[in-house]
Protein backbone atom coordinates (compact mmCIF):
# COMPACT_ATOMS: atom_id res chain seq x y z
CA MET A 1 24.72 -10.11 -1.96
CA SER A 2 21.75 -12.02 -3.39
CA ASP A 3 19.86 -8.74 -3.84
CA LYS A 4 22.81 -7.35 -5.76
CA ILE A 5 22.95 -10.37 -8.05
CA GLU A 6 19.20 -10.20 -8.59
CA SER A 7 19.38 -6.51 -9.53
CA GLN A 8 22.13 -7.18 -12.06
CA ARG A 9 20.44 -10.16 -13.64
CA PRO A 10 17.94 -8.53 -16.04
CA PRO A 11 20.46 -6.33 -17.94
CA ARG A 12 23.00 -9.14 -18.10
CA LEU A 13 20.48 -11.54 -19.52
CA GLY A 14 19.06 -8.91 -21.85
CA VAL A 15 22.50 -8.42 -23.38
CA LEU A 16 23.13 -12.16 -23.52
CA PHE A 17 19.83 -12.94 -25.24
CA SER A 18 20.29 -10.11 -27.72
CA VAL A 19 23.73 -11.49 -28.63
CA ILE A 20 22.25 -14.98 -29.08
CA VAL A 21 19.33 -13.71 -31.19
CA VAL A 22 21.54 -11.69 -33.55
CA ASP A 23 23.94 -14.62 -33.84
CA LEU A 24 21.09 -16.98 -34.77
CA ILE A 25 19.50 -14.55 -37.21
CA GLY A 26 22.83 -14.47 -39.02
CA PHE A 27 22.90 -18.27 -39.05
CA GLY A 28 19.28 -18.42 -40.22
CA ILE A 29 20.02 -16.07 -43.11
CA VAL A 30 22.53 -18.56 -44.49
CA VAL A 31 20.46 -21.75 -44.13
CA PRO A 32 18.06 -21.39 -47.11
CA ILE A 33 20.70 -19.88 -49.39
CA LEU A 34 23.55 -22.32 -48.89
CA PRO A 35 22.14 -25.08 -51.16
CA PHE A 36 21.74 -22.61 -54.03
CA TRP A 37 25.15 -21.06 -53.38
CA SER A 38 26.88 -24.46 -53.42
CA ASP A 39 24.88 -25.55 -56.49
CA HIS A 40 26.20 -22.46 -58.27
CA PHE A 41 29.67 -23.97 -57.96
CA GLY A 42 28.60 -27.44 -59.13
CA ALA A 43 27.88 -29.27 -55.88
CA ASN A 44 25.61 -32.31 -56.17
CA GLY A 45 23.36 -33.70 -53.45
CA ALA A 46 26.12 -35.79 -51.89
CA LEU A 47 28.49 -32.83 -51.67
CA LEU A 48 25.75 -30.66 -50.21
CA GLY A 49 25.14 -33.28 -47.53
CA LEU A 50 28.86 -33.41 -46.79
CA LEU A 51 28.93 -29.61 -46.62
CA LEU A 52 26.14 -29.56 -44.04
CA ALA A 53 27.68 -32.44 -42.10
CA SER A 54 31.09 -30.73 -41.96
CA HIS A 55 29.60 -27.75 -40.13
CA ALA A 56 27.84 -29.97 -37.58
CA ALA A 57 30.96 -32.12 -37.14
CA MET A 58 33.06 -29.09 -36.22
CA GLN A 59 30.42 -28.05 -33.71
CA PHE A 60 30.53 -31.54 -32.22
CA LEU A 61 34.31 -31.38 -31.84
CA PHE A 62 34.64 -27.85 -30.54
CA SER A 63 31.61 -27.24 -28.30
CA PRO A 64 33.29 -28.95 -25.31
CA ALA A 65 36.59 -27.22 -26.10
CA TRP A 66 35.05 -23.73 -26.06
CA GLY A 67 33.11 -24.60 -22.92
CA ARG A 68 36.22 -25.83 -21.15
CA LEU A 69 38.18 -22.76 -22.26
CA SER A 70 35.44 -20.53 -20.83
CA ASP A 71 35.79 -22.37 -17.51
CA ARG A 72 39.46 -21.39 -17.49
CA ILE A 73 39.63 -17.86 -18.90
CA GLY A 74 36.02 -16.66 -18.54
CA ARG A 75 32.76 -16.64 -20.52
CA ARG A 76 33.07 -13.14 -21.99
CA PRO A 77 36.42 -13.53 -23.83
CA VAL A 78 35.35 -16.83 -25.37
CA MET A 79 32.04 -15.34 -26.50
CA LEU A 80 33.93 -12.44 -28.10
CA ILE A 81 36.39 -14.76 -29.85
CA THR A 82 33.65 -16.95 -31.29
CA ILE A 83 31.47 -14.03 -32.42
CA ALA A 84 34.46 -12.45 -34.19
CA GLY A 85 35.31 -15.81 -35.77
CA THR A 86 31.72 -16.17 -36.96
CA ALA A 87 31.92 -12.77 -38.67
CA ILE A 88 35.13 -13.80 -40.44
CA SER A 89 33.74 -17.18 -41.53
CA LEU A 90 30.59 -15.57 -42.97
CA LEU A 91 32.72 -13.01 -44.80
CA CYS A 92 34.76 -15.86 -46.31
CA LEU A 93 31.53 -17.57 -47.35
CA GLY A 94 30.16 -14.46 -49.02
CA LEU A 95 33.41 -13.89 -50.93
CA ALA A 96 33.90 -17.55 -51.89
CA ASP A 97 34.41 -18.19 -55.59
CA SER A 98 34.88 -21.96 -55.51
CA LEU A 99 33.46 -25.02 -53.76
CA PRO A 100 36.63 -25.65 -51.69
CA GLN A 101 36.39 -22.10 -50.35
CA ILE A 102 32.77 -22.70 -49.35
CA PHE A 103 33.85 -25.85 -47.50
CA LEU A 104 36.60 -23.93 -45.71
CA ALA A 105 34.15 -21.19 -44.72
CA ARG A 106 31.64 -23.70 -43.36
CA VAL A 107 34.32 -25.52 -41.39
CA LEU A 108 35.31 -22.20 -39.81
CA SER A 109 31.64 -21.41 -39.20
CA GLY A 110 31.14 -24.70 -37.39
CA LEU A 111 34.29 -24.15 -35.33
CA PHE A 112 33.30 -20.69 -34.12
CA GLY A 113 29.55 -21.30 -34.19
CA SER A 114 29.70 -23.83 -31.37
CA ASN A 115 29.45 -21.14 -28.70
CA ILE A 116 25.91 -21.89 -27.49
CA SER A 117 27.51 -23.99 -24.76
CA VAL A 118 29.35 -20.91 -23.51
CA ALA A 119 26.16 -18.83 -23.66
CA THR A 120 24.21 -21.38 -21.61
CA ALA A 121 27.10 -21.67 -19.13
CA TYR A 122 27.01 -17.87 -18.79
CA LEU A 123 23.27 -18.11 -18.16
CA THR A 124 23.71 -20.66 -15.39
CA ASP A 125 26.35 -18.46 -13.76
CA VAL A 126 23.84 -15.65 -13.17
CA THR A 127 20.62 -17.56 -12.45
CA ASP A 128 19.40 -19.63 -9.51
CA GLU A 129 18.53 -23.29 -9.93
CA GLU A 130 14.84 -22.73 -9.21
CA ASP A 131 14.67 -20.26 -12.13
CA ARG A 132 16.98 -22.20 -14.45
CA THR A 133 14.35 -23.97 -16.57
CA ARG A 134 12.52 -20.69 -17.17
CA TRP A 135 15.66 -18.97 -18.45
CA MET A 136 16.69 -21.97 -20.54
CA GLY A 137 13.26 -21.59 -22.11
CA MET A 138 14.28 -18.08 -23.10
CA VAL A 139 17.31 -19.55 -24.88
CA GLY A 140 14.90 -21.75 -26.84
CA ALA A 141 12.79 -18.69 -27.59
CA SER A 142 15.90 -16.93 -28.88
CA PHE A 143 16.44 -19.83 -31.26
CA ALA A 144 12.85 -19.50 -32.43
CA VAL A 145 13.25 -15.77 -33.07
CA GLY A 146 16.51 -16.29 -34.94
CA PHE A 147 15.17 -19.05 -37.15
CA THR A 148 11.93 -17.15 -37.72
CA LEU A 149 13.55 -13.93 -38.92
CA GLY A 150 16.71 -15.30 -40.54
CA PRO A 151 15.39 -17.37 -43.49
CA PRO A 152 12.98 -14.74 -44.89
CA ILE A 153 15.70 -12.08 -44.61
CA GLY A 154 18.07 -14.38 -46.46
CA GLY A 155 15.49 -15.10 -49.14
CA LEU A 156 14.89 -11.38 -49.77
CA LEU A 157 18.60 -10.54 -49.89
CA ALA A 158 19.30 -13.40 -52.32
CA ARG A 159 17.55 -11.38 -55.05
CA TRP A 160 20.77 -9.35 -55.30
CA GLY A 161 22.98 -12.45 -55.49
CA HIS A 162 23.65 -15.52 -53.41
CA GLY A 163 26.71 -13.97 -51.80
CA VAL A 164 24.84 -10.91 -50.53
CA PRO A 165 23.01 -12.67 -47.65
CA MET A 166 26.32 -14.08 -46.44
CA LEU A 167 27.94 -10.64 -46.44
CA VAL A 168 24.98 -9.11 -44.61
CA ALA A 169 25.14 -11.92 -42.03
CA SER A 170 28.87 -11.20 -41.63
CA ALA A 171 28.12 -7.52 -41.06
CA MET A 172 25.50 -8.44 -38.46
CA ALA A 173 28.03 -10.63 -36.66
CA ALA A 174 30.55 -7.77 -36.71
CA VAL A 175 27.98 -5.40 -35.20
CA ASN A 176 27.12 -8.12 -32.68
CA PHE A 177 30.81 -8.30 -31.74
CA ILE A 178 30.95 -4.55 -31.14
CA TRP A 179 27.75 -4.72 -29.07
CA ALA A 180 29.13 -7.60 -27.00
CA VAL A 181 32.42 -5.78 -26.39
CA ALA A 182 30.53 -2.75 -25.13
CA ALA A 183 27.75 -4.37 -23.12
CA LEU A 184 28.56 -7.99 -22.20
CA ARG A 185 30.19 -8.37 -18.79
CA GLU A 186 31.93 -11.33 -17.24
CA PRO A 187 29.57 -13.01 -14.75
CA ALA A 188 30.64 -13.37 -11.16
CA ARG A 189 31.63 -16.96 -10.48
CA ARG A 190 29.91 -18.78 -7.64
CA THR A 191 32.14 -20.69 -5.27
CA ASP A 192 29.58 -22.48 -3.13
CA ARG A 193 30.34 -25.83 -4.73
CA PRO A 194 33.58 -27.83 -4.63
CA ALA A 195 35.85 -27.86 -7.66
CA SER A 196 35.18 -30.50 -10.28
CA ASN A 197 37.43 -33.10 -11.82
CA MET A 198 35.52 -33.03 -15.12
CA THR A 199 37.92 -31.67 -17.72
CA SER A 200 37.09 -33.72 -20.83
CA ARG A 201 34.18 -35.22 -22.74
CA LEU A 202 34.83 -38.65 -21.22
CA ASP A 203 34.87 -37.22 -17.70
CA VAL A 204 31.42 -35.74 -18.26
CA LEU A 205 29.98 -38.90 -19.79
CA ARG A 206 31.28 -41.03 -16.92
CA GLU A 207 28.78 -39.27 -14.64
CA PRO A 208 25.69 -41.52 -14.94
CA VAL A 209 22.98 -38.87 -14.80
CA LEU A 210 24.78 -36.58 -17.24
CA ALA A 211 25.35 -39.51 -19.59
CA ARG A 212 21.62 -40.34 -19.55
CA ILE A 213 20.58 -36.74 -20.24
CA CYS A 214 23.10 -36.46 -23.07
CA PHE A 215 21.81 -39.71 -24.56
CA VAL A 216 18.23 -38.44 -24.33
CA TYR A 217 19.25 -35.18 -26.02
CA PHE A 218 21.05 -37.06 -28.79
CA LEU A 219 17.99 -39.22 -29.54
CA PHE A 220 15.77 -36.13 -29.31
CA SER A 221 17.99 -34.27 -31.80
CA VAL A 222 18.21 -37.16 -34.28
CA ALA A 223 14.41 -37.34 -34.20
CA VAL A 224 14.06 -33.61 -34.83
CA THR A 225 16.41 -33.81 -37.83
CA GLN A 226 14.13 -36.40 -39.43
CA LEU A 227 11.43 -33.72 -39.63
CA GLU A 228 13.76 -30.87 -40.54
CA THR A 229 15.41 -32.81 -43.35
CA THR A 230 12.36 -34.27 -45.08
CA PHE A 231 9.52 -31.89 -44.22
CA ALA A 232 9.86 -29.72 -47.33
CA LEU A 233 9.89 -32.81 -49.54
CA LEU A 234 6.83 -34.22 -47.79
CA MET A 235 4.88 -30.99 -48.31
CA LEU A 236 5.97 -30.80 -51.95
CA HIS A 237 5.19 -34.39 -52.85
CA ARG A 238 1.97 -34.75 -50.89
CA PHE A 239 0.39 -31.28 -51.12
CA GLY A 240 2.35 -29.48 -53.84
CA PHE A 241 3.65 -26.77 -51.50
CA ASP A 242 6.41 -24.44 -52.68
CA ALA A 243 9.22 -22.93 -50.57
CA LEU A 244 7.00 -20.07 -49.38
CA GLY A 245 4.26 -22.42 -48.20
CA VAL A 246 6.74 -24.61 -46.35
CA GLY A 247 8.33 -21.54 -44.80
CA LEU A 248 4.98 -20.29 -43.51
CA VAL A 249 4.20 -23.64 -41.88
CA MET A 250 7.64 -23.72 -40.26
CA LEU A 251 7.12 -20.13 -39.13
CA GLY A 252 3.96 -21.21 -37.35
CA MET A 253 5.81 -24.01 -35.58
CA ALA A 254 8.56 -21.60 -34.52
CA ILE A 255 5.97 -19.20 -33.11
CA VAL A 256 4.38 -22.01 -31.07
CA MET A 257 7.74 -23.13 -29.66
CA GLY A 258 8.82 -19.56 -29.00
CA GLY A 259 5.58 -18.80 -27.19
CA ILE A 260 5.94 -21.82 -24.93
CA GLN A 261 9.62 -21.37 -24.20
CA GLY A 262 9.51 -17.60 -23.89
CA GLY A 263 6.30 -17.26 -21.89
CA GLY A 264 4.67 -20.49 -20.80
CA MET A 265 7.83 -22.11 -19.48
CA LYS A 266 7.90 -19.83 -16.43
CA ARG A 267 4.57 -21.20 -15.16
CA LEU A 268 5.34 -24.78 -16.15
CA ALA A 269 8.74 -24.72 -14.43
CA ALA A 270 7.17 -23.32 -11.26
CA ARG A 271 4.56 -26.10 -11.14
CA PHE A 272 6.40 -29.21 -12.40
CA HIS A 273 9.83 -30.73 -11.95
CA GLU A 274 12.12 -30.92 -14.97
CA ARG A 275 11.83 -34.67 -15.45
CA ARG A 276 8.03 -34.49 -15.63
CA LEU A 277 8.21 -31.78 -18.29
CA ILE A 278 10.73 -33.80 -20.29
CA LEU A 279 8.55 -36.91 -20.20
CA VAL A 280 5.36 -35.08 -21.21
CA GLY A 281 7.12 -33.27 -24.03
CA LEU A 282 8.76 -36.40 -25.38
CA CYS A 283 5.49 -38.35 -25.28
CA LEU A 284 3.73 -35.59 -27.25
CA MET A 285 6.53 -35.64 -29.81
CA SER A 286 6.46 -39.41 -30.16
CA VAL A 287 2.71 -39.45 -30.80
CA SER A 288 2.89 -36.59 -33.28
CA PHE A 289 5.79 -38.12 -35.23
CA LEU A 290 3.89 -41.38 -35.45
CA VAL A 291 0.84 -39.59 -36.88
CA ILE A 292 2.58 -37.19 -39.30
CA PRO A 293 2.62 -39.64 -42.27
CA ILE A 294 -1.14 -40.27 -41.96
CA PRO A 295 -2.92 -36.94 -42.73
CA ARG A 296 -4.16 -36.34 -46.28
CA THR A 297 -5.31 -32.80 -45.54
CA VAL A 298 -3.13 -29.83 -44.69
CA GLY A 299 -5.27 -28.86 -41.71
CA PHE A 300 -4.90 -32.26 -40.04
CA LEU A 301 -1.16 -32.24 -40.69
CA VAL A 302 -0.76 -28.75 -39.23
CA LEU A 303 -2.52 -29.84 -36.03
CA THR A 304 -0.08 -32.73 -35.77
CA LEU A 305 2.87 -30.41 -36.32
CA ILE A 306 1.60 -28.05 -33.63
CA LEU A 307 1.52 -31.00 -31.23
CA ALA A 308 5.13 -31.77 -32.13
CA ALA A 309 6.09 -28.12 -31.61
CA VAL A 310 4.42 -28.10 -28.19
CA GLY A 311 6.28 -31.25 -27.19
CA ARG A 312 9.58 -29.85 -28.35
CA GLY A 313 8.95 -26.54 -26.61
CA ILE A 314 8.17 -28.27 -23.32
CA SER A 315 10.95 -30.86 -23.28
CA GLN A 316 14.08 -29.04 -24.44
CA PRO A 317 14.58 -26.33 -21.76
CA PRO A 318 14.28 -28.78 -18.82
CA MET A 319 17.01 -30.94 -20.34
CA MET A 320 19.34 -27.94 -20.45
CA SER A 321 18.37 -27.01 -16.92
CA LEU A 322 19.02 -30.48 -15.50
CA VAL A 323 22.43 -30.63 -17.16
CA SER A 324 23.43 -27.25 -15.75
CA GLN A 325 22.35 -28.33 -12.27
CA ARG A 326 24.66 -31.35 -12.41
CA ALA A 327 27.70 -29.11 -13.06
CA ASP A 328 29.64 -27.07 -10.54
CA ASP A 329 31.14 -23.66 -11.17
CA ALA A 330 34.47 -25.06 -12.32
CA SER A 331 33.02 -27.46 -14.90
CA ARG A 332 29.87 -25.75 -16.17
CA GLY A 333 31.36 -24.79 -19.51
CA ILE A 334 32.69 -28.25 -20.39
CA VAL A 335 29.45 -29.91 -19.25
CA MET A 336 27.26 -27.61 -21.35
CA GLY A 337 29.68 -28.05 -24.23
CA VAL A 338 29.39 -31.84 -24.15
CA PHE A 339 25.62 -31.55 -23.91
CA GLN A 340 25.40 -29.25 -26.94
CA SER A 341 27.82 -31.45 -28.88
CA CYS A 342 25.24 -34.25 -28.65
CA ALA A 343 22.92 -32.19 -30.85
CA SER A 344 25.79 -31.52 -33.25
CA ALA A 345 26.54 -35.22 -33.51
CA ALA A 346 22.86 -35.83 -34.22
CA ARG A 347 22.97 -33.29 -37.04
CA VAL A 348 25.77 -35.27 -38.66
CA VAL A 349 24.00 -38.64 -38.70
CA GLY A 350 20.34 -37.54 -38.60
CA PRO A 351 20.04 -35.99 -42.09
CA LEU A 352 21.84 -38.96 -43.66
CA LEU A 353 19.37 -41.36 -42.06
CA ALA A 354 16.39 -39.18 -42.96
CA GLY A 355 17.31 -38.90 -46.62
CA ALA A 356 17.93 -42.60 -47.04
CA LEU A 357 14.72 -43.58 -45.26
CA TYR A 358 12.58 -41.06 -47.15
CA ASP A 359 13.78 -42.55 -50.44
CA GLN A 360 12.36 -45.88 -49.28
CA ASP A 361 9.04 -44.54 -47.97
CA GLN A 362 7.76 -41.12 -46.90
CA ALA A 363 6.67 -42.47 -43.52
CA TYR A 364 9.94 -44.12 -42.48
CA PRO A 365 11.82 -41.02 -41.17
CA TYR A 366 8.86 -40.07 -38.97
CA TRP A 367 8.37 -43.57 -37.66
CA LEU A 368 12.07 -43.69 -36.80
CA ALA A 369 11.68 -40.34 -35.04
CA ALA A 370 8.71 -41.64 -33.03
CA PHE A 371 10.70 -44.73 -32.00
CA LEU A 372 13.77 -42.71 -30.99
CA VAL A 373 11.74 -40.25 -28.91
CA ALA A 374 9.96 -43.15 -27.20
CA ILE A 375 13.36 -44.63 -26.28
CA ALA A 376 14.41 -41.20 -25.04
CA ALA A 377 11.32 -41.03 -22.83
CA LEU A 378 12.01 -44.46 -21.36
CA THR A 379 15.59 -43.36 -20.62
CA ALA A 380 14.39 -40.08 -19.08
CA ILE A 381 12.27 -41.99 -16.57
CA GLN A 382 15.53 -43.08 -14.91
CA ILE A 383 16.79 -39.49 -14.56
CA GLN A 384 16.45 -38.13 -11.05
CA ASN A 385 15.71 -34.47 -10.45
CA VAL A 386 18.44 -32.54 -8.73
CA GLU A 387 17.37 -31.86 -5.17
CA LYS A 388 16.82 -28.21 -4.39
CA GLN A 389 14.91 -27.63 -1.20
CA GLY A 390 12.15 -29.84 0.09
CA PRO A 391 11.17 -33.45 -0.61
CA GLU A 392 10.90 -35.35 -3.86
CA PRO A 393 8.01 -34.40 -6.13
CA SER A 394 4.78 -36.28 -5.77
CA LEU A 395 3.72 -38.82 -8.34
CA ASP A 396 1.33 -36.41 -10.00
CA GLY A 397 4.35 -34.33 -11.07
CA GLU A 398 3.63 -31.22 -9.01
CA ALA A 399 6.56 -29.65 -7.22
CA PRO A 400 6.13 -29.62 -3.44
CA SER A 401 5.29 -26.29 -1.92
CA SER A 402 7.91 -24.50 0.13
CA PRO A 403 7.56 -24.89 3.89
């Protein structure tokens, strides 16, 4: 039976990752265009912030709901529903001719775009625990690919009108739906664990280890939004960079993270336990965030940003892996949904904090990020690795060898 599962794993995961990548490219196409599209209809900065927050808020509310639904009716039908809904929401956005219609489209996009929890639950259904961190790294690499390709595609398409990128993204989502219908199969559920009583967000957060990991991920995500929200302004005000220059720097960071999560994570996960990887990654991020406001040359700043990208690339997949290991077959969707909703909650409050702090001083958002990641690291120290086979890891962080 294990040989059969192993032989089926590569094509299943290939289809899953292709669905995720196309989904994220479509999302990335919209990101750089949305401010201009909303400005066309008279939105000011406050309304733009509310528009962005509304999308994240819907993801926060519905990630656990989609995950729980996938526990009940299966991963595949929920993935198909959300991909189809994404195509419809992007079509509505491309055809919008007023600000209220844009808001409605983004609310729908947030509702249906909260399916990453289902995708990661699908992934845990068809992978073994010892390989989990490696494959979660591939999810991170899929994000990197999507956010690398999406924005430049959106920028090129915007030359024919701000609605055109949205319509193209909708068409991509429709093709993605057809591809998923044809190729995505429902994973076989594993029944080697007892059924779970976790059926709601509160049930998940009552489990101490899960609550700690979710708190770490929330702090991690708020810290990341400090950089994402203010980085373009920092490069403009300090070095006079335009949108293209900022995009190239962010492309470099995405390549670093994608390289680590797509390739290096396999070796790291084989050598170190998840908690050790989380701690090292968070420490690198904290140091880099603390240093970001200091450089007065682009080269020095880029080195600091690379350090931050390395830390992010190392720490994020093990968090996802640890969460999945704490869930049984009957609760994996709801658990992954609650975990992903922590990032959505962070994307509601994080940009608001970043903007307000940056107005006071350019350094404040990054210092806050360094502080939050340090708190996350201290919290992560208390997280115990899920026992697989063999004894606890040694203090130097190396996983014990198999007997």
